[in-house]
């Protein structure tokens, strides 16, 4: 027993018999344990719900491996399209430069 319990026990013992005082103390201990167990259960339930909510939120906010795979395939497609576009422009500029050179050559 703790110091406080001993003091309460002494007070009850002076008013009641020793057995009755012990019974009252045991009753208070059992009730307080019930309350603690109840609060623990409520806390664990809330904690479980909070963890579930956090997991759901993480799946909606953060990217997954599948999301990265989709982005990677889109990026590869975009890079291929850009490469073709750059080659077209380079070929067009090359033809324009050749025509300009040939035009200057025949101008004389």
N, C-alpha and C. Protein backbone atom coordinates (compact mmCIF):
# COMPACT_ATOMS: atom_id res chain seq x y z
N UNK A 1 0.83 -1.19 0.00
CA UNK A 1 0.00 0.00 0.00
C UNK A 1 0.87 1.24 0.00
N UNK A 2 0.35 2.27 -0.63
CA UNK A 2 1.08 3.54 -0.64
C UNK A 2 0.79 4.29 0.66
N UNK A 3 1.49 5.40 0.84
CA UNK A 3 1.33 6.20 2.06
C UNK A 3 -0.10 6.72 2.19
N UNK A 4 -0.64 7.18 1.08
CA UNK A 4 -2.01 7.70 1.10
C UNK A 4 -3.00 6.59 1.45
N UNK A 5 -2.80 5.42 0.88
CA UNK A 5 -3.69 4.30 1.18
C UNK A 5 -3.61 3.91 2.66
N UNK A 6 -2.41 3.97 3.20
CA UNK A 6 -2.25 3.65 4.63
C UNK A 6 -2.99 4.66 5.50
N UNK A 7 -2.90 5.94 5.13
CA UNK A 7 -3.61 6.96 5.91
C UNK A 7 -5.12 6.75 5.83
N UNK A 8 -5.62 6.49 4.63
CA UNK A 8 -7.05 6.25 4.46
C UNK A 8 -7.45 5.00 5.23
N UNK A 9 -6.62 3.96 5.17
CA UNK A 9 -6.90 2.72 5.89
C UNK A 9 -6.99 2.99 7.39
N UNK A 10 -6.08 3.80 7.92
CA UNK A 10 -6.10 4.12 9.35
C UNK A 10 -7.37 4.87 9.74
N UNK A 11 -7.79 5.80 8.86
CA UNK A 11 -9.02 6.56 9.14
C UNK A 11 -10.21 5.62 9.15
N UNK A 12 -10.31 4.76 8.14
CA UNK A 12 -11.44 3.81 8.10
C UNK A 12 -11.37 2.82 9.26
N UNK A 13 -10.15 2.43 9.63
CA UNK A 13 -10.00 1.46 10.73
C UNK A 13 -10.48 2.06 12.04
N UNK A 14 -10.30 3.40 12.21
CA UNK A 14 -10.75 4.03 13.45
C UNK A 14 -12.28 4.12 13.48
N UNK A 15 -12.93 4.19 12.29
CA UNK A 15 -14.39 4.29 12.23
C UNK A 15 -15.06 2.92 12.15
N UNK A 16 -14.42 2.02 11.41
CA UNK A 16 -14.99 0.68 11.20
C UNK A 16 -14.04 -0.37 11.77
N UNK A 17 -14.41 -1.61 11.60
CA UNK A 17 -13.50 -2.67 12.03
C UNK A 17 -12.37 -2.81 11.00
N UNK A 18 -11.35 -3.55 11.36
CA UNK A 18 -10.20 -3.71 10.47
C UNK A 18 -10.60 -4.41 9.18
N UNK A 19 -11.45 -5.39 9.25
CA UNK A 19 -11.92 -6.12 8.06
C UNK A 19 -12.75 -5.20 7.16
N UNK A 20 -13.62 -4.40 7.73
CA UNK A 20 -14.44 -3.47 6.94
C UNK A 20 -13.56 -2.41 6.26
N UNK A 21 -12.57 -1.91 6.97
CA UNK A 21 -11.65 -0.92 6.39
C UNK A 21 -10.88 -1.52 5.22
N UNK A 22 -10.42 -2.76 5.39
CA UNK A 22 -9.69 -3.43 4.31
C UNK A 22 -10.61 -3.63 3.11
N UNK A 23 -11.88 -3.97 3.36
CA UNK A 23 -12.84 -4.17 2.27
C UNK A 23 -13.08 -2.86 1.51
N UNK A 24 -13.21 -1.76 2.23
CA UNK A 24 -13.43 -0.46 1.59
C UNK A 24 -12.22 -0.09 0.74
N UNK A 25 -11.02 -0.28 1.26
CA UNK A 25 -9.80 0.03 0.51
C UNK A 25 -9.71 -0.84 -0.74
N UNK A 26 -10.02 -2.12 -0.61
CA UNK A 26 -10.01 -3.02 -1.78
C UNK A 26 -11.03 -2.57 -2.81
N UNK A 27 -12.19 -2.12 -2.33
CA UNK A 27 -13.22 -1.61 -3.24
C UNK A 27 -12.70 -0.42 -4.04
N UNK A 28 -12.06 0.54 -3.33
CA UNK A 28 -11.53 1.72 -4.02
C UNK A 28 -10.44 1.33 -5.01
N UNK A 29 -9.59 0.38 -4.62
CA UNK A 29 -8.54 -0.07 -5.52
C UNK A 29 -9.13 -0.73 -6.76
N UNK A 30 -10.16 -1.56 -6.56
CA UNK A 30 -10.79 -2.23 -7.70
C UNK A 30 -11.46 -1.21 -8.62
N UNK A 31 -12.16 -0.23 -8.03
CA UNK A 31 -12.82 0.80 -8.84
C UNK A 31 -11.80 1.63 -9.62
N UNK A 32 -10.71 2.01 -8.95
CA UNK A 32 -9.70 2.80 -9.65
C UNK A 32 -9.05 1.99 -10.76
N UNK A 33 -8.84 0.69 -10.53
CA UNK A 33 -8.28 -0.17 -11.58
C UNK A 33 -9.25 -0.28 -12.75
N UNK A 34 -10.55 -0.40 -12.46
CA UNK A 34 -11.56 -0.44 -13.52
C UNK A 34 -11.51 0.84 -14.35
N UNK A 35 -11.43 1.98 -13.67
CA UNK A 35 -11.38 3.27 -14.38
C UNK A 35 -10.13 3.37 -15.25
N UNK A 36 -9.01 2.93 -14.69
CA UNK A 36 -7.76 2.97 -15.45
C UNK A 36 -7.85 2.06 -16.68
N UNK A 37 -8.39 0.84 -16.48
CA UNK A 37 -8.55 -0.08 -17.60
C UNK A 37 -9.49 0.49 -18.66
N UNK A 38 -10.56 1.13 -18.21
CA UNK A 38 -11.52 1.74 -19.14
C UNK A 38 -10.85 2.86 -19.94
N UNK A 39 -10.11 3.72 -19.25
CA UNK A 39 -9.41 4.82 -19.92
C UNK A 39 -8.35 4.28 -20.88
N UNK A 40 -7.67 3.21 -20.48
CA UNK A 40 -6.66 2.59 -21.35
C UNK A 40 -7.31 2.06 -22.61
N UNK A 41 -8.45 1.41 -22.46
CA UNK A 41 -9.17 0.87 -23.61
C UNK A 41 -9.61 1.99 -24.55
N UNK A 42 -10.14 3.06 -23.99
CA UNK A 42 -10.56 4.20 -24.81
C UNK A 42 -9.36 4.79 -25.54
N UNK A 43 -8.25 4.94 -24.83
CA UNK A 43 -7.03 5.49 -25.44
C UNK A 43 -6.55 4.59 -26.58
N UNK A 44 -6.54 3.28 -26.36
CA UNK A 44 -6.08 2.36 -27.40
C UNK A 44 -7.00 2.41 -28.62
N UNK A 45 -8.30 2.53 -28.38
CA UNK A 45 -9.25 2.64 -29.49
C UNK A 45 -9.00 3.91 -30.28
N UNK A 46 -8.83 5.02 -29.57
CA UNK A 46 -8.56 6.29 -30.25
C UNK A 46 -7.23 6.24 -31.00
N UNK A 47 -6.26 5.62 -30.40
CA UNK A 47 -4.95 5.52 -31.04
C UNK A 47 -5.05 4.68 -32.31
N UNK A 48 -5.80 3.60 -32.27
CA UNK A 48 -5.98 2.76 -33.45
C UNK A 48 -6.70 3.52 -34.55
N UNK A 49 -7.75 4.26 -34.19
CA UNK A 49 -8.47 5.07 -35.18
C UNK A 49 -7.56 6.13 -35.78
N UNK A 50 -6.77 6.79 -34.92
CA UNK A 50 -5.86 7.82 -35.41
C UNK A 50 -4.83 7.22 -36.38
N UNK A 51 -4.32 6.06 -36.05
CA UNK A 51 -3.35 5.41 -36.94
C UNK A 51 -4.00 5.04 -38.28
N UNK A 52 -5.23 4.54 -38.23
CA UNK A 52 -5.93 4.20 -39.47
C UNK A 52 -6.17 5.45 -40.31
N UNK A 53 -6.59 6.54 -39.67
CA UNK A 53 -6.79 7.80 -40.39
C UNK A 53 -5.49 8.31 -40.99
N UNK A 54 -4.40 8.18 -40.24
CA UNK A 54 -3.10 8.62 -40.73
C UNK A 54 -2.67 7.79 -41.94
N UNK A 55 -2.90 6.49 -41.88
CA UNK A 55 -2.55 5.63 -43.03
C UNK A 55 -3.36 6.00 -44.26
N UNK A 56 -4.66 6.25 -44.08
CA UNK A 56 -5.50 6.66 -45.20
C UNK A 56 -5.01 7.97 -45.79
N UNK A 57 -4.69 8.91 -44.91
CA UNK A 57 -4.23 10.22 -45.38
C UNK A 57 -2.89 10.11 -46.10
N UNK A 58 -2.02 9.24 -45.61
CA UNK A 58 -0.73 9.05 -46.26
C UNK A 58 -0.91 8.51 -47.67
N UNK A 59 -1.87 7.60 -47.86
CA UNK A 59 -2.10 7.04 -49.19
C UNK A 59 -2.67 8.08 -50.14
N UNK A 60 -3.40 9.06 -49.62
CA UNK A 60 -3.97 10.07 -50.51
C UNK A 60 -3.00 11.22 -50.76
N UNK A 61 -2.11 11.50 -49.81
CA UNK A 61 -1.22 12.66 -49.94
C UNK A 61 0.11 12.29 -50.60
N UNK A 62 0.70 11.19 -50.18
CA UNK A 62 2.02 10.82 -50.67
C UNK A 62 1.93 9.88 -51.86
N UNK A 63 2.93 9.97 -52.74
CA UNK A 63 2.96 9.13 -53.93
C UNK A 63 3.40 7.71 -53.56
N UNK A 64 2.85 6.74 -54.27
CA UNK A 64 3.21 5.34 -54.06
C UNK A 64 4.13 4.88 -55.19
N UNK A 65 4.60 3.66 -55.11
CA UNK A 65 5.47 3.10 -56.16
C UNK A 65 4.74 3.07 -57.49
N UNK A 66 3.45 2.77 -57.45
CA UNK A 66 2.67 2.73 -58.69
C UNK A 66 2.59 4.12 -59.32
N UNK A 67 2.44 5.14 -58.48
CA UNK A 67 2.39 6.51 -58.98
C UNK A 67 3.72 6.88 -59.66
N UNK A 68 4.83 6.48 -59.04
CA UNK A 68 6.12 6.76 -59.64
C UNK A 68 6.31 6.00 -60.94
N UNK A 69 5.80 4.77 -61.00
CA UNK A 69 5.90 3.99 -62.23
C UNK A 69 5.11 4.67 -63.36
N UNK A 70 3.92 5.17 -63.05
CA UNK A 70 3.11 5.88 -64.05
C UNK A 70 3.83 7.14 -64.51
N UNK A 71 4.38 7.90 -63.54
CA UNK A 71 5.08 9.13 -63.89
C UNK A 71 6.32 8.82 -64.72
N UNK A 72 7.00 7.71 -64.42
CA UNK A 72 8.20 7.33 -65.16
C UNK A 72 7.86 7.01 -66.61
N UNK A 73 6.78 6.27 -66.83
CA UNK A 73 6.40 5.93 -68.20
C UNK A 73 5.95 7.18 -68.96
N UNK A 74 5.24 8.08 -68.28
CA UNK A 74 4.84 9.34 -68.92
C UNK A 74 6.07 10.18 -69.27
N UNK A 75 7.05 10.19 -68.36
CA UNK A 75 8.27 10.96 -68.59
C UNK A 75 9.04 10.40 -69.78
N UNK A 76 9.14 9.07 -69.87
CA UNK A 76 9.83 8.46 -71.01
C UNK A 76 9.14 8.81 -72.32
N UNK A 77 7.82 8.79 -72.32
CA UNK A 77 7.06 9.14 -73.53
C UNK A 77 7.31 10.60 -73.90
N UNK A 78 7.29 11.47 -72.91
CA UNK A 78 7.51 12.90 -73.16
C UNK A 78 8.92 13.15 -73.67
N UNK A 79 9.90 12.45 -73.10
CA UNK A 79 11.28 12.60 -73.57
C UNK A 79 11.44 12.13 -75.01
N UNK A 80 10.79 11.03 -75.37
CA UNK A 80 10.86 10.52 -76.74
C UNK A 80 10.23 11.53 -77.71
N UNK A 81 9.10 12.10 -77.33
CA UNK A 81 8.45 13.11 -78.17
C UNK A 81 9.35 14.34 -78.33
N UNK A 82 9.98 14.77 -77.26
CA UNK A 82 10.86 15.93 -77.30
C UNK A 82 12.08 15.65 -78.18
N UNK A 83 12.62 14.45 -78.10
CA UNK A 83 13.76 14.07 -78.93
C UNK A 83 13.41 14.16 -80.41
N UNK A 84 12.26 13.66 -80.79
CA UNK A 84 11.81 13.71 -82.18
C UNK A 84 11.63 15.16 -82.61
N UNK A 85 11.06 15.96 -81.74
CA UNK A 85 10.84 17.38 -82.06
C UNK A 85 12.17 18.10 -82.28
N UNK A 86 13.14 17.85 -81.42
CA UNK A 86 14.46 18.49 -81.56
C UNK A 86 15.13 18.06 -82.88
N UNK A 87 15.04 16.78 -83.22
CA UNK A 87 15.63 16.30 -84.48
C UNK A 87 14.98 16.96 -85.68
N UNK A 88 13.67 17.14 -85.65
CA UNK A 88 12.97 17.81 -86.76
C UNK A 88 13.48 19.25 -86.93
N UNK A 89 13.59 19.97 -85.80
CA UNK A 89 14.07 21.35 -85.88
C UNK A 89 15.51 21.40 -86.38
N UNK A 90 16.35 20.50 -85.91
CA UNK A 90 17.74 20.49 -86.35
C UNK A 90 17.82 20.22 -87.86
N UNK A 91 17.04 19.27 -88.35
CA UNK A 91 17.03 18.95 -89.78
C UNK A 91 16.51 20.14 -90.58
N UNK A 92 15.46 20.80 -90.10
CA UNK A 92 14.91 21.97 -90.79
C UNK A 92 15.92 23.10 -90.84
N UNK A 93 16.62 23.37 -89.75
CA UNK A 93 17.62 24.43 -89.73
C UNK A 93 18.79 24.07 -90.64
N UNK A 94 19.17 22.78 -90.62
CA UNK A 94 20.25 22.32 -91.50
C UNK A 94 19.88 22.54 -92.96
N UNK A 95 18.66 22.19 -93.37
CA UNK A 95 18.23 22.40 -94.76
C UNK A 95 18.21 23.88 -95.11
N UNK A 96 17.72 24.72 -94.20
CA UNK A 96 17.68 26.16 -94.46
C UNK A 96 19.09 26.71 -94.63
N UNK A 97 20.03 26.29 -93.80
CA UNK A 97 21.42 26.75 -93.90
C UNK A 97 22.05 26.29 -95.22
N UNK A 98 21.78 25.03 -95.61
CA UNK A 98 22.34 24.51 -96.87
C UNK A 98 21.78 25.29 -98.05
N UNK A 99 20.49 25.58 -98.03
CA UNK A 99 19.89 26.34 -99.12
C UNK A 99 20.48 27.75 -99.18
N UNK A 100 20.71 28.36 -98.00
CA UNK A 100 21.30 29.69 -97.96
C UNK A 100 22.72 29.66 -98.53
N UNK A 101 23.50 28.66 -98.17
CA UNK A 101 24.87 28.53 -98.68
C UNK A 101 24.86 28.31 -100.18
N UNK A 102 23.99 27.40 -100.62
CA UNK A 102 23.89 27.12 -102.07
C UNK A 102 23.42 28.37 -102.80
N UNK A 103 22.47 29.10 -102.23
CA UNK A 103 21.99 30.34 -102.84
C UNK A 103 23.09 31.38 -102.97
N UNK A 104 23.91 31.51 -101.94
CA UNK A 104 25.03 32.45 -101.99
C UNK A 104 26.08 32.00 -103.02
N UNK A 105 26.24 30.71 -103.16
CA UNK A 105 27.23 30.18 -104.10
C UNK A 105 26.81 30.50 -105.53
N UNK A 106 25.54 30.33 -105.86
CA UNK A 106 25.06 30.56 -107.22
C UNK A 106 24.82 32.05 -107.51
N UNK A 107 24.82 32.89 -106.53
CA UNK A 107 24.57 34.31 -106.71
C UNK A 107 25.75 34.98 -107.43
N UNK A 108 26.91 34.52 -107.27
CA UNK A 108 28.09 35.13 -107.89
C UNK A 108 28.11 34.89 -109.32
